[in-house]
Amino acid sequence: MSKTRRGIIVLGLIAALLPSAVLADRERDYDKARRAVERGEALALAEILTRVRSDLGGEVVGVSFERKRDRWVYEFKVIDPAGRLWEVYVDAATAAILKREGH
C-alpha cells in the first residue's frame, strides 16, 4: 500500500472517530489533505506521523489540516504524560515541527 493511500486511510479513520459535530470540518480537512498530497504539496498523514511521533511529546487525540502562511500545516492536539493539552503545528511538506502551544 502506498504512503499516500495509508495517509488517506489514517486521516479517514481519525475522522470516523470524531464526534459528528466536527465531522463535516474533518471531511473538508480530509479532502484538502488528499488533494494536497496528490499534488505533491504535502506528505501523507501516515508519513508525517512516522517522522514526528516521537517528538510530539504525548498521545495524539486530534488532527486538522489547514493552510497557514502559504504552507500546508497539520495541527496535532496532543495530551502529554502529565495530562496537559498541546497543539503542535507541523509543516505538511517537510514534517518540521513549527510551533507548540500549551493549554
N, C-alpha and C. Protein backbone atom coordinates (compact mmCIF):
# COMPACT_ATOMS: atom_id res chain seq x y z
N MET A 1 0.85 -1.17 0.00
CA MET A 1 0.00 0.00 0.00
C MET A 1 0.89 1.24 0.00
N SER A 2 0.57 2.21 -0.82
CA SER A 2 1.39 3.41 -0.94
C SER A 2 1.26 4.29 0.31
N LYS A 3 2.25 5.15 0.53
CA LYS A 3 2.22 6.08 1.65
C LYS A 3 1.03 7.01 1.54
N THR A 4 0.72 7.45 0.33
CA THR A 4 -0.41 8.34 0.12
C THR A 4 -1.71 7.66 0.55
N ARG A 5 -1.89 6.43 0.11
CA ARG A 5 -3.12 5.70 0.46
C ARG A 5 -3.19 5.46 1.96
N ARG A 6 -2.07 5.09 2.60
CA ARG A 6 -2.07 4.88 4.05
C ARG A 6 -2.45 6.17 4.77
N GLY A 7 -1.89 7.30 4.32
CA GLY A 7 -2.19 8.58 4.94
C GLY A 7 -3.66 8.94 4.82
N ILE A 8 -4.22 8.67 3.66
CA ILE A 8 -5.63 8.96 3.43
C ILE A 8 -6.49 8.07 4.33
N ILE A 9 -6.11 6.81 4.46
CA ILE A 9 -6.85 5.89 5.32
C ILE A 9 -6.77 6.33 6.77
N VAL A 10 -5.57 6.70 7.24
CA VAL A 10 -5.40 7.15 8.63
C VAL A 10 -6.25 8.39 8.90
N LEU A 11 -6.20 9.37 8.00
CA LEU A 11 -6.99 10.58 8.19
C LEU A 11 -8.47 10.25 8.20
N GLY A 12 -8.90 9.32 7.35
CA GLY A 12 -10.29 8.89 7.33
C GLY A 12 -10.70 8.21 8.63
N LEU A 13 -9.82 7.38 9.18
CA LEU A 13 -10.11 6.72 10.45
C LEU A 13 -10.23 7.71 11.59
N ILE A 14 -9.35 8.70 11.61
CA ILE A 14 -9.43 9.73 12.64
C ILE A 14 -10.75 10.46 12.53
N ALA A 15 -11.14 10.81 11.31
CA ALA A 15 -12.42 11.50 11.11
C ALA A 15 -13.58 10.63 11.57
N ALA A 16 -13.50 9.33 11.36
CA ALA A 16 -14.58 8.43 11.75
C ALA A 16 -14.74 8.35 13.26
N LEU A 17 -13.68 8.61 14.00
CA LEU A 17 -13.73 8.52 15.45
C LEU A 17 -14.14 9.82 16.13
N LEU A 18 -14.24 10.90 15.39
CA LEU A 18 -14.59 12.19 15.97
C LEU A 18 -16.10 12.33 16.11
N PRO A 19 -16.55 13.16 17.07
CA PRO A 19 -17.98 13.40 17.21
C PRO A 19 -18.56 13.98 15.93
N SER A 20 -19.83 13.70 15.68
CA SER A 20 -20.46 14.14 14.43
C SER A 20 -20.48 15.65 14.29
N ALA A 21 -20.44 16.39 15.38
CA ALA A 21 -20.46 17.85 15.31
C ALA A 21 -19.25 18.41 14.58
N VAL A 22 -18.11 17.72 14.65
CA VAL A 22 -16.92 18.20 13.96
C VAL A 22 -16.60 17.39 12.71
N LEU A 23 -17.44 16.40 12.42
CA LEU A 23 -17.17 15.52 11.29
C LEU A 23 -17.12 16.27 9.97
N ALA A 24 -18.03 17.22 9.75
CA ALA A 24 -18.05 17.96 8.49
C ALA A 24 -16.73 18.69 8.28
N ASP A 25 -16.19 19.32 9.32
CA ASP A 25 -14.90 20.01 9.20
C ASP A 25 -13.79 19.01 8.89
N ARG A 26 -13.81 17.85 9.51
CA ARG A 26 -12.78 16.86 9.29
C ARG A 26 -12.86 16.29 7.88
N GLU A 27 -14.07 16.15 7.35
CA GLU A 27 -14.20 15.69 5.97
C GLU A 27 -13.59 16.71 5.02
N ARG A 28 -13.77 17.98 5.30
CA ARG A 28 -13.13 19.01 4.47
C ARG A 28 -11.61 18.93 4.61
N ASP A 29 -11.12 18.71 5.84
CA ASP A 29 -9.68 18.53 6.04
C ASP A 29 -9.19 17.33 5.25
N TYR A 30 -9.93 16.25 5.29
CA TYR A 30 -9.57 15.04 4.56
C TYR A 30 -9.45 15.34 3.07
N ASP A 31 -10.43 16.03 2.51
CA ASP A 31 -10.40 16.37 1.08
C ASP A 31 -9.23 17.30 0.75
N LYS A 32 -9.01 18.31 1.61
CA LYS A 32 -7.89 19.23 1.38
C LYS A 32 -6.56 18.48 1.42
N ALA A 33 -6.42 17.61 2.42
CA ALA A 33 -5.17 16.86 2.57
C ALA A 33 -4.96 15.92 1.39
N ARG A 34 -6.00 15.22 1.00
CA ARG A 34 -5.88 14.29 -0.13
C ARG A 34 -5.43 15.01 -1.39
N ARG A 35 -6.05 16.15 -1.67
CA ARG A 35 -5.68 16.90 -2.87
C ARG A 35 -4.26 17.44 -2.77
N ALA A 36 -3.86 17.94 -1.60
CA ALA A 36 -2.50 18.46 -1.43
C ALA A 36 -1.46 17.35 -1.58
N VAL A 37 -1.76 16.17 -1.05
CA VAL A 37 -0.84 15.03 -1.19
C VAL A 37 -0.75 14.63 -2.66
N GLU A 38 -1.88 14.56 -3.34
CA GLU A 38 -1.88 14.19 -4.76
C GLU A 38 -1.09 15.17 -5.61
N ARG A 39 -1.11 16.46 -5.25
CA ARG A 39 -0.36 17.48 -5.99
C ARG A 39 1.11 17.54 -5.58
N GLY A 40 1.49 16.78 -4.57
CA GLY A 40 2.87 16.79 -4.10
C GLY A 40 3.19 17.97 -3.20
N GLU A 41 2.17 18.63 -2.69
CA GLU A 41 2.36 19.80 -1.82
C GLU A 41 2.47 19.42 -0.35
N ALA A 42 2.12 18.19 -0.02
CA ALA A 42 2.13 17.75 1.38
C ALA A 42 2.45 16.26 1.42
N LEU A 43 2.97 15.84 2.56
CA LEU A 43 3.17 14.42 2.83
C LEU A 43 1.89 13.86 3.43
N ALA A 44 1.66 12.60 3.22
CA ALA A 44 0.50 11.94 3.81
C ALA A 44 0.63 11.91 5.33
N LEU A 45 -0.50 11.90 6.00
CA LEU A 45 -0.52 11.90 7.46
C LEU A 45 0.30 10.75 8.03
N ALA A 46 0.19 9.57 7.46
CA ALA A 46 0.96 8.42 7.96
C ALA A 46 2.46 8.69 7.91
N GLU A 47 2.93 9.32 6.86
CA GLU A 47 4.35 9.66 6.73
C GLU A 47 4.75 10.71 7.78
N ILE A 48 3.91 11.72 7.95
CA ILE A 48 4.18 12.76 8.95
C ILE A 48 4.28 12.11 10.33
N LEU A 49 3.32 11.26 10.67
CA LEU A 49 3.34 10.62 11.99
C LEU A 49 4.56 9.74 12.17
N THR A 50 4.97 9.04 11.14
CA THR A 50 6.18 8.22 11.21
C THR A 50 7.39 9.09 11.56
N ARG A 51 7.44 10.27 10.96
CA ARG A 51 8.61 11.14 11.17
C ARG A 51 8.60 11.89 12.49
N VAL A 52 7.42 12.27 13.01
CA VAL A 52 7.39 13.16 14.18
C VAL A 52 6.78 12.57 15.44
N ARG A 53 6.24 11.37 15.37
CA ARG A 53 5.52 10.82 16.52
C ARG A 53 6.34 10.91 17.81
N SER A 54 7.60 10.54 17.77
CA SER A 54 8.41 10.54 18.99
C SER A 54 8.70 11.96 19.49
N ASP A 55 8.57 12.96 18.64
CA ASP A 55 8.83 14.35 19.03
C ASP A 55 7.57 15.09 19.46
N LEU A 56 6.41 14.48 19.33
CA LEU A 56 5.17 15.17 19.67
C LEU A 56 4.98 15.33 21.17
N GLY A 57 5.54 14.42 21.96
CA GLY A 57 5.51 14.58 23.40
C GLY A 57 4.30 13.99 24.10
N GLY A 58 3.57 13.12 23.42
CA GLY A 58 2.41 12.51 24.07
C GLY A 58 1.53 11.80 23.06
N GLU A 59 0.28 11.61 23.45
CA GLU A 59 -0.67 10.88 22.63
C GLU A 59 -1.48 11.83 21.75
N VAL A 60 -1.54 11.55 20.46
CA VAL A 60 -2.32 12.36 19.53
C VAL A 60 -3.79 12.06 19.75
N VAL A 61 -4.58 13.12 20.02
CA VAL A 61 -6.02 12.96 20.24
C VAL A 61 -6.84 13.69 19.19
N GLY A 62 -6.17 14.42 18.31
CA GLY A 62 -6.89 15.12 17.24
C GLY A 62 -5.91 15.64 16.21
N VAL A 63 -6.41 15.85 15.01
CA VAL A 63 -5.57 16.38 13.94
C VAL A 63 -6.45 17.20 12.99
N SER A 64 -5.88 18.29 12.51
CA SER A 64 -6.54 19.06 11.46
C SER A 64 -5.49 19.42 10.42
N PHE A 65 -5.98 19.89 9.27
CA PHE A 65 -5.11 20.20 8.14
C PHE A 65 -5.57 21.52 7.57
N GLU A 66 -4.66 22.49 7.51
CA GLU A 66 -5.06 23.80 7.01
C GLU A 66 -3.89 24.54 6.38
N ARG A 67 -4.24 25.57 5.67
CA ARG A 67 -3.24 26.42 5.01
C ARG A 67 -2.91 27.57 5.95
N LYS A 68 -1.63 27.76 6.26
CA LYS A 68 -1.17 28.86 7.12
C LYS A 68 0.07 29.46 6.50
N ARG A 69 0.00 30.76 6.26
CA ARG A 69 1.16 31.48 5.72
C ARG A 69 1.77 30.78 4.51
N ASP A 70 0.97 30.51 3.54
CA ASP A 70 1.42 29.92 2.26
C ASP A 70 2.02 28.53 2.38
N ARG A 71 1.65 27.78 3.42
CA ARG A 71 2.09 26.39 3.51
C ARG A 71 0.97 25.56 4.15
N TRP A 72 0.97 24.28 3.83
CA TRP A 72 0.03 23.35 4.46
C TRP A 72 0.60 22.92 5.79
N VAL A 73 -0.28 22.86 6.80
CA VAL A 73 0.14 22.53 8.16
C VAL A 73 -0.82 21.50 8.76
N TYR A 74 -0.23 20.46 9.36
CA TYR A 74 -1.00 19.54 10.19
C TYR A 74 -0.95 20.10 11.61
N GLU A 75 -2.11 20.23 12.23
CA GLU A 75 -2.17 20.66 13.62
C GLU A 75 -2.60 19.45 14.45
N PHE A 76 -1.69 19.02 15.33
CA PHE A 76 -1.98 17.88 16.19
C PHE A 76 -2.36 18.37 17.58
N LYS A 77 -3.40 17.80 18.13
CA LYS A 77 -3.74 18.01 19.53
C LYS A 77 -3.15 16.82 20.25
N VAL A 78 -2.32 17.12 21.25
CA VAL A 78 -1.54 16.08 21.93
C VAL A 78 -1.73 16.22 23.43
N ILE A 79 -1.96 15.10 24.10
CA ILE A 79 -2.02 15.07 25.56
C ILE A 79 -0.69 14.51 26.05
N ASP A 80 0.02 15.31 26.86
CA ASP A 80 1.32 14.84 27.36
C ASP A 80 1.12 13.92 28.56
N PRO A 81 2.18 13.26 29.04
CA PRO A 81 2.05 12.32 30.15
C PRO A 81 1.48 12.94 31.43
N ALA A 82 1.62 14.27 31.57
CA ALA A 82 1.08 14.95 32.75
C ALA A 82 -0.39 15.34 32.57
N GLY A 83 -0.95 15.04 31.38
CA GLY A 83 -2.36 15.34 31.13
C GLY A 83 -2.63 16.71 30.53
N ARG A 84 -1.58 17.45 30.18
CA ARG A 84 -1.77 18.77 29.57
C ARG A 84 -2.00 18.64 28.07
N LEU A 85 -2.82 19.54 27.55
CA LEU A 85 -3.12 19.58 26.13
C LEU A 85 -2.16 20.52 25.41
N TRP A 86 -1.62 20.05 24.30
CA TRP A 86 -0.72 20.84 23.47
C TRP A 86 -1.25 20.85 22.04
N GLU A 87 -1.02 21.94 21.35
CA GLU A 87 -1.23 21.99 19.91
C GLU A 87 0.15 22.04 19.28
N VAL A 88 0.42 21.09 18.41
CA VAL A 88 1.72 21.01 17.76
C VAL A 88 1.49 21.17 16.26
N TYR A 89 2.12 22.20 15.70
CA TYR A 89 1.96 22.53 14.28
C TYR A 89 3.15 21.96 13.51
N VAL A 90 2.85 21.19 12.46
CA VAL A 90 3.88 20.51 11.68
C VAL A 90 3.73 20.87 10.22
N ASP A 91 4.83 21.31 9.60
CA ASP A 91 4.83 21.60 8.17
C ASP A 91 4.51 20.33 7.41
N ALA A 92 3.46 20.37 6.60
CA ALA A 92 2.99 19.17 5.90
C ALA A 92 3.92 18.74 4.78
N ALA A 93 4.75 19.63 4.28
CA ALA A 93 5.66 19.28 3.18
C ALA A 93 6.98 18.71 3.68
N THR A 94 7.42 19.13 4.88
CA THR A 94 8.75 18.76 5.35
C THR A 94 8.75 17.94 6.65
N ALA A 95 7.62 17.90 7.34
CA ALA A 95 7.49 17.25 8.65
C ALA A 95 8.25 17.99 9.74
N ALA A 96 8.61 19.24 9.49
CA ALA A 96 9.28 20.04 10.52
C ALA A 96 8.25 20.56 11.52
N ILE A 97 8.56 20.44 12.81
CA ILE A 97 7.68 20.99 13.83
C ILE A 97 7.89 22.51 13.84
N LEU A 98 6.80 23.23 13.62
CA LEU A 98 6.86 24.68 13.51
C LEU A 98 6.63 25.40 14.83
N LYS A 99 5.72 24.86 15.64
CA LYS A 99 5.36 25.56 16.87
C LYS A 99 4.61 24.60 17.79
N ARG A 100 4.74 24.86 19.11
CA ARG A 100 3.98 24.13 20.13
C ARG A 100 3.30 25.16 21.01
N GLU A 101 2.03 24.92 21.30
CA GLU A 101 1.30 25.79 22.20
C GLU A 101 0.66 24.94 23.29
N GLY A 102 0.92 25.27 24.54
CA GLY A 102 0.33 24.54 25.65
C GLY A 102 -0.95 25.21 26.13
N HIS A 103 -1.84 24.41 26.66
CA HIS A 103 -3.11 24.93 27.18
C HIS A 103 -3.35 24.44 28.58
